[in-house]
Amino acid sequence: MTQFETGSQYRLIEQAIRILEDSAINQINSADHCELQLATLAEQLNVSPFYLQRLFTNWAGISPKQFFHSLQKDHARKLLQTGHSILSTSIELGFKSTSKLHQLMLKFEALTPGEIKQLGEGQIFTIGQATSPFGNAFVCLTSKGINSLEFETETLGYLQWRAGIAQIYPKAQMQESDATAHATIKQIFSSNSRKANVFTLRLRGTPFQLQVWQALLHLPPGSLSSYQQIAQHIGKPKASRAVGSAIAKNPIGYLIPCHRVIQTTGELGQYRWNSTRKKALHLWEQGLINQQTE
């Protein structure tokens, strides 16, 4: 993952996912078939099959055949079927006991009513943007932890994101530092440093939103859960729609893994930072798991 700073790998992966979906490639059963489809895809992306195969291996950590297979709904359904037991076990054991599954050590802290009322008064927010394995990302840090981590989309640029932070915390002092954002993103996504870092999340949300977001922390990489399963495990089995709304307002991309929640049909569904990125996150995590089990 040493080259993600350029952003070029993710842009090509994103294009590949969209072409595969548009082409309605449903299944690849043999190596020959895989090579044929790889050549066709490479041609549409204006790169060589060799480069495309190397890209998948370097970026996603999986072969092209595994990459294609992971896009299928049947594959998602199989993962989803195990999501219930994984989530149950994780919640029963507690977050600290499941850090090996989760891979990221996180401290989850909610803003107090007093802090919310102060609107950021007396606080310094360090904000900036940096390139991640999934494109440009925006980071907001307070003295107590990460307050926001979002990805750039067609409708959300850095200026719009910055204005949104300023609207929520109008009395805070904004200090821009892309270097700090770069260092934070590198720590979050670097496999070499992942186990050595503890990330503190400082979140502003309703009690229900905080409950949903905290439940998501127990979903280990590569696992999937449905909105209904999340609702059941927070003790509100009829609140699937409310769970979906809370997930849609998650302010911390990737670290609070809302990308691991999908529809019961196996469809990955929508994502705050576009559905293609959600698929890319899923594929990337599958590669990490494959690397760990080799």
C-alpha atoms as a PDB file:
ATOM      1  CA  MET A   1       0.000   0.000   0.000  1.00  0.00           C
ATOM      2  CA  THR A   2       3.031   2.202  -0.373  1.00  0.00           C
ATOM      3  CA  GLN A   3       1.817   3.999  -3.490  1.00  0.00           C
ATOM      4  CA  PHE A   4      -1.625   5.108  -2.376  1.00  0.00           C
ATOM      5  CA  GLU A   5      -0.394   8.672  -2.006  1.00  0.00           C
ATOM      6  CA  THR A   6      -0.647   9.136  -5.782  1.00  0.00           C
ATOM      7  CA  GLY A   7      -4.347   8.239  -5.877  1.00  0.00           C
ATOM      8  CA  SER A   8      -3.940   6.711  -9.343  1.00  0.00           C
ATOM      9  CA  GLN A   9      -4.489   3.141  -8.174  1.00  0.00           C
ATOM     10  CA  TYR A  10      -7.843   3.908  -6.583  1.00  0.00           C
ATOM     11  CA  ARG A  11      -9.082   5.848  -9.610  1.00  0.00           C
ATOM     12  CA  LEU A  12      -8.370   2.849 -11.827  1.00  0.00           C
ATOM     13  CA  ILE A  13      -9.992   0.433  -9.369  1.00  0.00           C
ATOM     14  CA  GLU A  14     -13.063   2.677  -9.233  1.00  0.00           C
ATOM     15  CA  GLN A  15     -13.320   2.688 -13.022  1.00  0.00           C
ATOM     16  CA  ALA A  16     -12.897  -1.097 -13.097  1.00  0.00           C
ATOM     17  CA  ILE A  17     -15.752  -1.619 -10.633  1.00  0.00           C
ATOM     18  CA  ARG A  18     -18.080   0.597 -12.652  1.00  0.00           C
ATOM     19  CA  ILE A  19     -17.211  -1.106 -15.943  1.00  0.00           C
ATOM     20  CA  LEU A  20     -17.784  -4.542 -14.410  1.00  0.00           C
ATOM     21  CA  GLU A  21     -21.192  -3.485 -13.130  1.00  0.00           C
ATOM     22  CA  ASP A  22     -22.187  -1.877 -16.420  1.00  0.00           C
ATOM     23  CA  SER A  23     -21.080  -4.983 -18.290  1.00  0.00           C
ATOM     24  CA  ALA A  24     -23.130  -7.199 -15.934  1.00  0.00           C
ATOM     25  CA  ILE A  25     -20.370  -9.745 -15.402  1.00  0.00           C
ATOM     26  CA  ASN A  26     -22.000 -12.219 -13.049  1.00  0.00           C
ATOM     27  CA  GLN A  27     -19.626 -15.112 -12.642  1.00  0.00           C
ATOM     28  CA  ILE A  28     -16.176 -16.322 -13.607  1.00  0.00           C
ATOM     29  CA  ASN A  29     -15.651 -20.053 -13.178  1.00  0.00           C
ATOM     30  CA  SER A  30     -12.359 -20.825 -14.867  1.00  0.00           C
ATOM     31  CA  ALA A  31      -8.893 -19.342 -15.115  1.00  0.00           C
ATOM     32  CA  ASP A  32      -9.189 -19.065 -18.903  1.00  0.00           C
ATOM     33  CA  HIS A  33     -12.431 -17.173 -18.573  1.00  0.00           C
ATOM     34  CA  CYS A  34     -10.840 -14.924 -16.007  1.00  0.00           C
ATOM     35  CA  GLU A  35      -7.926 -14.122 -18.314  1.00  0.00           C
ATOM     36  CA  LEU A  36     -10.333 -13.343 -21.146  1.00  0.00           C
ATOM     37  CA  GLN A  37     -12.389 -10.977 -19.024  1.00  0.00           C
ATOM     38  CA  LEU A  38      -9.235  -9.428 -17.602  1.00  0.00           C
ATOM     39  CA  ALA A  39      -7.985  -8.696 -21.120  1.00  0.00           C
ATOM     40  CA  THR A  40     -11.329  -7.138 -22.059  1.00  0.00           C
ATOM     41  CA  LEU A  41     -11.384  -5.006 -18.931  1.00  0.00           C
ATOM     42  CA  ALA A  42      -7.755  -3.940 -19.416  1.00  0.00           C
ATOM     43  CA  GLU A  43      -8.551  -2.834 -22.952  1.00  0.00           C
ATOM     44  CA  GLN A  44     -11.427  -0.673 -21.760  1.00  0.00           C
ATOM     45  CA  LEU A  45      -9.182   0.883 -19.127  1.00  0.00           C
ATOM     46  CA  ASN A  46      -6.395   1.484 -21.652  1.00  0.00           C
ATOM     47  CA  VAL A  47      -3.835  -0.513 -19.669  1.00  0.00           C
ATOM     48  CA  SER A  48      -2.138  -3.863 -20.245  1.00  0.00           C
ATOM     49  CA  PRO A  49      -3.572  -7.070 -18.717  1.00  0.00           C
ATOM     50  CA  PHE A  50      -0.257  -7.560 -16.905  1.00  0.00           C
ATOM     51  CA  TYR A  51      -0.450  -4.124 -15.296  1.00  0.00           C
ATOM     52  CA  LEU A  52      -4.089  -4.611 -14.346  1.00  0.00           C
ATOM     53  CA  GLN A  53      -3.362  -7.955 -12.724  1.00  0.00           C
ATOM     54  CA  ARG A  54      -0.451  -6.462 -10.798  1.00  0.00           C
ATOM     55  CA  LEU A  55      -2.638  -3.535  -9.753  1.00  0.00           C
ATOM     56  CA  PHE A  56      -5.269  -5.821  -8.240  1.00  0.00           C
ATOM     57  CA  THR A  57      -2.620  -7.778  -6.387  1.00  0.00           C
ATOM     58  CA  ASN A  58      -0.847  -4.693  -5.046  1.00  0.00           C
ATOM     59  CA  TRP A  59      -3.923  -2.624  -4.211  1.00  0.00           C
ATOM     60  CA  ALA A  60      -6.564  -5.151  -3.223  1.00  0.00           C
ATOM     61  CA  GLY A  61      -4.259  -7.967  -2.134  1.00  0.00           C
ATOM     62  CA  ILE A  62      -6.312 -10.461  -4.144  1.00  0.00           C
ATOM     63  CA  SER A  63      -6.191 -11.922  -7.632  1.00  0.00           C
ATOM     64  CA  PRO A  64      -8.404 -10.626 -10.454  1.00  0.00           C
ATOM     65  CA  LYS A  65     -10.533 -13.779 -10.190  1.00  0.00           C
ATOM     66  CA  GLN A  66     -11.093 -13.169  -6.468  1.00  0.00           C
ATOM     67  CA  PHE A  67     -11.728  -9.508  -7.209  1.00  0.00           C
ATOM     68  CA  PHE A  68     -14.517 -10.317  -9.661  1.00  0.00           C
ATOM     69  CA  HIS A  69     -15.990 -12.951  -7.365  1.00  0.00           C
ATOM     70  CA  SER A  70     -16.147 -10.502  -4.458  1.00  0.00           C
ATOM     71  CA  LEU A  71     -18.416  -8.230  -6.463  1.00  0.00           C
ATOM     72  CA  GLN A  72     -21.126 -10.860  -6.692  1.00  0.00           C
ATOM     73  CA  LYS A  73     -24.268 -10.704  -4.595  1.00  0.00           C
ATOM     74  CA  ASP A  74     -24.002 -14.410  -3.798  1.00  0.00           C
ATOM     75  CA  HIS A  75     -20.628 -13.772  -2.193  1.00  0.00           C
ATOM     76  CA  ALA A  76     -22.089 -10.914  -0.164  1.00  0.00           C
ATOM     77  CA  ARG A  77     -24.987 -13.087   0.962  1.00  0.00           C
ATOM     78  CA  LYS A  78     -22.608 -15.753   2.250  1.00  0.00           C
ATOM     79  CA  LEU A  79     -20.688 -13.175   4.252  1.00  0.00           C
ATOM     80  CA  LEU A  80     -23.913 -11.687   5.514  1.00  0.00           C
ATOM     81  CA  GLN A  81     -25.063 -15.054   6.824  1.00  0.00           C
ATOM     82  CA  THR A  82     -22.101 -15.099   9.203  1.00  0.00           C
ATOM     83  CA  GLY A  83     -22.509 -11.479  10.240  1.00  0.00           C
ATOM     84  CA  HIS A  84     -25.078 -12.215  12.937  1.00  0.00           C
ATOM     85  CA  SER A  85     -22.879 -14.613  14.877  1.00  0.00           C
ATOM     86  CA  ILE A  86     -19.774 -12.435  14.489  1.00  0.00           C
ATOM     87  CA  LEU A  87     -21.594  -9.378  15.763  1.00  0.00           C
ATOM     88  CA  SER A  88     -23.137 -11.303  18.649  1.00  0.00           C
ATOM     89  CA  THR A  89     -19.805 -12.722  19.718  1.00  0.00           C
ATOM     90  CA  SER A  90     -18.039  -9.379  19.451  1.00  0.00           C
ATOM     91  CA  ILE A  91     -20.637  -7.552  21.512  1.00  0.00           C
ATOM     92  CA  GLU A  92     -20.644 -10.271  24.168  1.00  0.00           C
ATOM     93  CA  LEU A  93     -16.858 -10.211  24.476  1.00  0.00           C
ATOM     94  CA  GLY A  94     -16.600  -6.434  24.432  1.00  0.00           C
ATOM     95  CA  PHE A  95     -14.564  -4.206  22.130  1.00  0.00           C
ATOM     96  CA  LYS A  96     -11.224  -4.566  23.911  1.00  0.00           C
ATOM     97  CA  SER A  97     -11.441  -8.341  23.734  1.00  0.00           C
ATOM     98  CA  THR A  98     -12.045  -8.295  19.981  1.00  0.00           C
ATOM     99  CA  SER A  99      -9.264  -5.938  18.953  1.00  0.00           C
ATOM    100  CA  LYS A 100      -7.518  -8.743  17.076  1.00  0.00           C
ATOM    101  CA  LEU A 101     -10.583  -9.167  14.866  1.00  0.00           C
ATOM    102  CA  HIS A 102     -11.187  -5.487  14.470  1.00  0.00           C
ATOM    103  CA  GLN A 103      -7.477  -4.756  13.799  1.00  0.00           C
ATOM    104  CA  LEU A 104      -7.884  -1.103  14.767  1.00  0.00           C
ATOM    105  CA  MET A 105      -7.774  -0.031  18.402  1.00  0.00           C
ATOM    106  CA  LEU A 106     -10.364   2.695  18.879  1.00  0.00           C
ATOM    107  CA  LYS A 107     -11.546   4.779  21.781  1.00  0.00           C
ATOM    108  CA  PHE A 108     -15.120   5.953  21.286  1.00  0.00           C
ATOM    109  CA  GLU A 109     -16.027   9.153  23.142  1.00  0.00           C
ATOM    110  CA  ALA A 110     -19.155  11.294  22.796  1.00  0.00           C
ATOM    111  CA  LEU A 111     -19.159  15.051  23.183  1.00  0.00           C
ATOM    112  CA  THR A 112     -20.825  16.130  26.400  1.00  0.00           C
ATOM    113  CA  PRO A 113     -23.941  18.359  26.274  1.00  0.00           C
ATOM    114  CA  GLY A 114     -21.779  21.178  27.602  1.00  0.00           C
ATOM    115  CA  GLU A 115     -19.223  20.744  24.826  1.00  0.00           C
ATOM    116  CA  ILE A 116     -21.974  20.700  22.200  1.00  0.00           C
ATOM    117  CA  LYS A 117     -23.495  23.870  23.647  1.00  0.00           C
ATOM    118  CA  GLN A 118     -20.126  25.662  23.498  1.00  0.00           C
ATOM    119  CA  LEU A 119     -20.082  25.259  19.679  1.00  0.00           C
ATOM    120  CA  GLY A 120     -16.337  24.705  19.704  1.00  0.00           C
ATOM    121  CA  GLU A 121     -15.500  27.757  21.765  1.00  0.00           C
ATOM    122  CA  GLY A 122     -11.953  27.625  23.122  1.00  0.00           C
ATOM    123  CA  GLN A 123     -11.020  24.698  20.897  1.00  0.00           C
ATOM    124  CA  ILE A 124      -8.583  24.421  18.011  1.00  0.00           C
ATOM    125  CA  PHE A 125      -9.682  22.203  15.149  1.00  0.00           C
ATOM    126  CA  THR A 126      -6.890  21.019  12.866  1.00  0.00           C
ATOM    127  CA  ILE A 127      -8.298  20.286   9.433  1.00  0.00           C
ATOM    128  CA  GLY A 128      -6.786  19.176   6.159  1.00  0.00           C
ATOM    129  CA  GLN A 129      -6.959  16.841   3.197  1.00  0.00           C
ATOM    130  CA  ALA A 130      -4.794  13.953   2.057  1.00  0.00           C
ATOM    131  CA  THR A 131      -4.853  11.076  -0.401  1.00  0.00           C
ATOM    132  CA  SER A 132      -5.970   7.702   0.953  1.00  0.00           C
ATOM    133  CA  PRO A 133      -6.184   4.306  -0.772  1.00  0.00           C
ATOM    134  CA  PHE A 134      -9.775   5.348  -1.583  1.00  0.00           C
ATOM    135  CA  GLY A 135      -9.151   8.791  -3.006  1.00  0.00           C
ATOM    136  CA  ASN A 136      -8.987  12.199  -1.379  1.00  0.00           C
ATOM    137  CA  ALA A 137      -9.981  12.296   2.295  1.00  0.00           C
ATOM    138  CA  PHE A 138     -10.756  15.154   4.681  1.00  0.00           C
ATOM    139  CA  VAL A 139      -9.755  15.015   8.348  1.00  0.00           C
ATOM    140  CA  CYS A 140     -10.749  17.134  11.341  1.00  0.00           C
ATOM    141  CA  LEU A 141      -8.791  16.669  14.567  1.00  0.00           C
ATOM    142  CA  THR A 142      -9.375  18.148  17.996  1.00  0.00           C
ATOM    143  CA  SER A 143      -7.019  17.988  20.952  1.00  0.00           C
ATOM    144  CA  LYS A 144      -9.022  14.963  22.132  1.00  0.00           C
ATOM    145  CA  GLY A 145      -9.308  12.963  18.922  1.00  0.00           C
ATOM    146  CA  ILE A 146     -10.730  12.595  15.416  1.00  0.00           C
ATOM    147  CA  ASN A 147     -13.958  14.512  14.916  1.00  0.00           C
ATOM    148  CA  SER A 148     -14.510  13.926  11.195  1.00  0.00           C
ATOM    149  CA  LEU A 149     -13.100  11.713   8.439  1.00  0.00           C
ATOM    150  CA  GLU A 150     -14.835  11.954   5.083  1.00  0.00           C
ATOM    151  CA  PHE A 151     -14.057  11.075   1.488  1.00  0.00           C
ATOM    152  CA  GLU A 152     -14.313  13.403  -1.469  1.00  0.00           C
ATOM    153  CA  THR A 153     -17.285  12.809  -3.779  1.00  0.00           C
ATOM    154  CA  GLU A 154     -18.790  14.514  -6.790  1.00  0.00           C
ATOM    155  CA  THR A 155     -20.945  16.617  -4.472  1.00  0.00           C
ATOM    156  CA  LEU A 156     -18.569  16.995  -1.514  1.00  0.00           C
ATOM    157  CA  GLY A 157     -15.339  18.878  -1.982  1.00  0.00           C
ATOM    158  CA  TYR A 158     -12.917  20.157   0.609  1.00  0.00           C
ATOM    159  CA  LEU A 159     -14.464  23.642   0.787  1.00  0.00           C
ATOM    160  CA  GLN A 160     -17.988  22.271   1.284  1.00  0.00           C
ATOM    161  CA  TRP A 161     -16.747  19.871   3.961  1.00  0.00           C
ATOM    162  CA  ARG A 162     -14.828  22.630   5.723  1.00  0.00           C
ATOM    163  CA  ALA A 163     -17.899  24.876   5.665  1.00  0.00           C
ATOM    164  CA  GLY A 164     -19.944  22.075   7.218  1.00  0.00           C
ATOM    165  CA  ILE A 165     -17.483  21.726  10.108  1.00  0.00           C
ATOM    166  CA  ALA A 166     -17.491  25.492  10.637  1.00  0.00           C
ATOM    167  CA  GLN A 167     -21.294  25.532  10.684  1.00  0.00           C
ATOM    168  CA  ILE A 168     -21.440  22.907  13.435  1.00  0.00           C
ATOM    169  CA  TYR A 169     -18.639  24.523  15.459  1.00  0.00           C
ATOM    170  CA  PRO A 170     -18.816  28.237  14.571  1.00  0.00           C
ATOM    171  CA  LYS A 171     -16.798  29.325  17.611  1.00  0.00           C
ATOM    172  CA  ALA A 172     -13.886  26.957  17.097  1.00  0.00           C
ATOM    173  CA  GLN A 173     -10.540  28.128  15.769  1.00  0.00           C
ATOM    174  CA  MET A 174      -9.768  26.392  12.464  1.00  0.00           C
ATOM    175  CA  GLN A 175      -6.152  25.547  11.770  1.00  0.00           C
ATOM    176  CA  GLU A 176      -5.382  24.050   8.366  1.00  0.00           C
ATOM    177  CA  SER A 177      -2.617  21.482   8.006  1.00  0.00           C
ATOM    178  CA  ASP A 178      -2.532  19.037   5.111  1.00  0.00           C
ATOM    179  CA  ALA A 179       0.667  17.605   6.600  1.00  0.00           C
ATOM    180  CA  THR A 180      -1.200  16.592   9.764  1.00  0.00           C
ATOM    181  CA  ALA A 181      -4.015  15.141   7.675  1.00  0.00           C
ATOM    182  CA  HIS A 182      -1.501  13.177   5.614  1.00  0.00           C
ATOM    183  CA  ALA A 183       0.179  11.755   8.731  1.00  0.00           C
ATOM    184  CA  THR A 184      -3.206  10.753  10.179  1.00  0.00           C
ATOM    185  CA  ILE A 185      -4.379   9.058   6.989  1.00  0.00           C
ATOM    186  CA  LYS A 186      -1.059   7.229   6.685  1.00  0.00           C
ATOM    187  CA  GLN A 187      -1.409   5.897  10.249  1.00  0.00           C
ATOM    188  CA  ILE A 188      -4.979   4.767   9.660  1.00  0.00           C
ATOM    189  CA  PHE A 189      -4.414   2.929   6.399  1.00  0.00           C
ATOM    190  CA  SER A 190      -0.832   1.697   6.735  1.00  0.00           C
ATOM    191  CA  SER A 191      -0.833  -2.034   7.522  1.00  0.00           C
ATOM    192  CA  ASN A 192       2.573  -1.739   9.170  1.00  0.00           C
ATOM    193  CA  SER A 193       1.472   0.805  11.770  1.00  0.00           C
ATOM    194  CA  ARG A 194      -2.129  -0.279  12.234  1.00  0.00           C
ATOM    195  CA  LYS A 195      -1.615  -2.363  15.368  1.00  0.00           C
ATOM    196  CA  ALA A 196       0.599   0.250  17.034  1.00  0.00           C
ATOM    197  CA  ASN A 197      -1.877   3.133  17.001  1.00  0.00           C
ATOM    198  CA  VAL A 198      -4.812   3.943  19.203  1.00  0.00           C
ATOM    199  CA  PHE A 199      -7.313   6.296  17.569  1.00  0.00           C
ATOM    200  CA  THR A 200      -9.709   8.294  19.701  1.00  0.00           C
ATOM    201  CA  LEU A 201     -12.998   9.314  18.082  1.00  0.00           C
ATOM    202  CA  ARG A 202     -14.739  12.424  19.452  1.00  0.00           C
ATOM    203  CA  LEU A 203     -18.303  12.303  18.168  1.00  0.00           C
ATOM    204  CA  ARG A 204     -21.320  14.567  18.153  1.00  0.00           C
ATOM    205  CA  GLY A 205     -24.622  12.746  17.749  1.00  0.00           C
ATOM    206  CA  THR A 206     -27.923  11.809  19.302  1.00  0.00           C
ATOM    207  CA  PRO A 207     -27.930   8.979  21.865  1.00  0.00           C
ATOM    208  CA  PHE A 208     -29.449   6.657  19.244  1.00  0.00           C
ATOM    209  CA  GLN A 209     -26.863   7.589  16.598  1.00  0.00           C
ATOM    210  CA  LEU A 210     -24.028   7.038  19.053  1.00  0.00           C
ATOM    211  CA  GLN A 211     -25.472   3.643  19.964  1.00  0.00           C
ATOM    212  CA  VAL A 212     -25.591   2.584  16.318  1.00  0.00           C
ATOM    213  CA  TRP A 213     -22.103   3.878  15.538  1.00  0.00           C
ATOM    214  CA  GLN A 214     -20.652   2.108  18.547  1.00  0.00           C
ATOM    215  CA  ALA A 215     -22.292  -1.159  17.491  1.00  0.00           C
ATOM    216  CA  LEU A 216     -20.565  -0.884  14.102  1.00  0.00           C
ATOM    217  CA  LEU A 217     -17.167  -0.924  15.793  1.00  0.00           C
ATOM    218  CA  HIS A 218     -17.717  -4.589  16.625  1.00  0.00           C
ATOM    219  CA  LEU A 219     -17.888  -5.623  12.963  1.00  0.00           C
ATOM    220  CA  PRO A 220     -14.443  -6.987  12.055  1.00  0.00           C
ATOM    221  CA  PRO A 221     -12.937  -6.358   8.601  1.00  0.00           C
ATOM    222  CA  GLY A 222     -14.413  -8.526   5.885  1.00  0.00           C
ATOM    223  CA  SER A 223     -17.643  -9.232   7.755  1.00  0.00           C
ATOM    224  CA  LEU A 224     -21.026  -7.892   6.745  1.00  0.00           C
ATOM    225  CA  SER A 225     -24.194  -7.222   8.712  1.00  0.00           C
ATOM    226  CA  SER A 226     -27.669  -6.049   7.749  1.00  0.00           C
ATOM    227  CA  TYR A 227     -29.547  -3.033   9.057  1.00  0.00           C
ATOM    228  CA  GLN A 228     -31.976  -5.404  10.729  1.00  0.00           C
ATOM    229  CA  GLN A 229     -29.168  -7.280  12.493  1.00  0.00           C
ATOM    230  CA  ILE A 230     -27.764  -4.034  13.852  1.00  0.00           C
ATOM    231  CA  ALA A 231     -31.222  -3.012  15.044  1.00  0.00           C
ATOM    232  CA  GLN A 232     -31.666  -6.340  16.824  1.00  0.00           C
ATOM    233  CA  HIS A 233     -28.353  -6.089  18.610  1.00  0.00           C
ATOM    234  CA  ILE A 234     -28.983  -2.633  19.996  1.00  0.00           C
ATOM    235  CA  GLY A 235     -32.282  -3.892  21.387  1.00  0.00           C
ATOM    236  CA  LYS A 236     -34.521  -2.135  18.839  1.00  0.00           C
ATOM    237  CA  PRO A 237     -35.521  -4.852  16.338  1.00  0.00           C
ATOM    238  CA  LYS A 238     -38.134  -2.662  14.635  1.00  0.00           C
ATOM    239  CA  ALA A 239     -35.775   0.269  14.095  1.00  0.00           C
ATOM    240  CA  SER A 240     -34.064  -0.873  10.869  1.00  0.00           C
ATOM    241  CA  ARG A 241     -35.008   2.322   9.046  1.00  0.00           C
ATOM    242  CA  ALA A 242     -33.769   4.497  11.919  1.00  0.00           C
ATOM    243  CA  VAL A 243     -30.542   2.493  11.959  1.00  0.00           C
ATOM    244  CA  GLY A 244     -30.127   3.257   8.267  1.00  0.00           C
ATOM    245  CA  SER A 245     -30.617   6.969   8.913  1.00  0.00           C
ATOM    246  CA  ALA A 246     -28.047   6.936  11.711  1.00  0.00           C
ATOM    247  CA  ILE A 247     -25.543   5.112   9.510  1.00  0.00           C
ATOM    248  CA  ALA A 248     -26.093   7.662   6.744  1.00  0.00           C
ATOM    249  CA  LYS A 249     -24.984  10.403   9.155  1.00  0.00           C
ATOM    250  CA  ASN A 250     -21.828   8.648  10.336  1.00  0.00           C
ATOM    251  CA  PRO A 251     -19.117  11.359  10.425  1.00  0.00           C
ATOM    252  CA  ILE A 252     -16.138   8.983  10.530  1.00  0.00           C
ATOM    253  CA  GLY A 253     -15.562   7.014   7.342  1.00  0.00           C
ATOM    254  CA  TYR A 254     -13.774   3.656   7.469  1.00  0.00           C
ATOM    255  CA  LEU A 255     -12.916   3.771  11.216  1.00  0.00           C
ATOM    256  CA  ILE A 256     -16.615   3.509  12.013  1.00  0.00           C
ATOM    257  CA  PRO A 257     -17.229   0.825   9.380  1.00  0.00           C
ATOM    258  CA  CYS A 258     -20.680   1.659   8.055  1.00  0.00           C
ATOM    259  CA  HIS A 259     -19.490   0.184   4.735  1.00  0.00           C
ATOM    260  CA  ARG A 260     -19.880  -3.254   6.350  1.00  0.00           C
ATOM    261  CA  VAL A 261     -23.656  -2.869   6.636  1.00  0.00           C
ATOM    262  CA  ILE A 262     -25.639  -4.009   3.593  1.00  0.00           C
ATOM    263  CA  GLN A 263     -29.143  -5.029   2.610  1.00  0.00           C
ATOM    264  CA  THR A 264     -30.461  -8.487   3.516  1.00  0.00           C
ATOM    265  CA  THR A 265     -30.697  -9.295  -0.213  1.00  0.00           C
ATOM    266  CA  GLY A 266     -26.924  -9.138  -0.570  1.00  0.00           C
ATOM    267  CA  GLU A 267     -27.020  -5.783  -2.351  1.00  0.00           C
ATOM    268  CA  LEU A 268     -24.317  -3.546  -0.900  1.00  0.00           C
ATOM    269  CA  GLY A 269     -26.681  -0.593  -1.082  1.00  0.00           C
ATOM    270  CA  GLN A 270     -25.960   3.103  -0.852  1.00  0.00           C
ATOM    271  CA  TYR A 271     -23.022   4.755   0.883  1.00  0.00           C
ATOM    272  CA  ARG A 272     -22.561   8.302   2.096  1.00  0.00           C
ATOM    273  CA  TRP A 273     -19.363   8.629   0.064  1.00  0.00           C
ATOM    274  CA  ASN A 274     -20.749   6.845  -3.052  1.00  0.00           C
ATOM    275  CA  SER A 275     -21.590   3.185  -3.552  1.00  0.00           C
ATOM    276  CA  THR A 276     -18.548   2.462  -5.736  1.00  0.00           C
ATOM    277  CA  ARG A 277     -16.244   3.408  -2.879  1.00  0.00           C
ATOM    278  CA  LYS A 278     -18.233   1.095  -0.607  1.00  0.00           C
ATOM    279  CA  LYS A 279     -17.528  -1.806  -2.963  1.00  0.00           C
ATOM    280  CA  ALA A 280     -13.859  -0.833  -3.118  1.00  0.00           C
ATOM    281  CA  LEU A 281     -13.624  -0.823   0.684  1.00  0.00           C
ATOM    282  CA  HIS A 282     -15.202  -4.271   0.763  1.00  0.00           C
ATOM    283  CA  LEU A 283     -12.774  -5.646  -1.824  1.00  0.00           C
ATOM    284  CA  TRP A 284      -9.771  -4.108  -0.083  1.00  0.00           C
ATOM    285  CA  GLU A 285     -10.711  -5.684   3.240  1.00  0.00           C
ATOM    286  CA  GLN A 286     -11.172  -9.065   1.596  1.00  0.00           C
ATOM    287  CA  GLY A 287      -7.606  -8.740   0.346  1.00  0.00           C
ATOM    288  CA  LEU A 288      -6.337  -7.944   3.845  1.00  0.00           C
ATOM    289  CA  ILE A 289      -8.018 -11.057   5.214  1.00  0.00           C
ATOM    290  CA  ASN A 290      -6.545 -13.232   2.467  1.00  0.00           C
ATOM    291  CA  GLN A 291      -3.069 -11.881   3.239  1.00  0.00           C
ATOM    292  CA  GLN A 292      -3.468 -12.689   6.940  1.00  0.00           C
ATOM    293  CA  THR A 293      -4.586 -16.264   6.297  1.00  0.00           C
ATOM    294  CA  GLU A 294      -1.832 -17.106   3.828  1.00  0.00           C
END
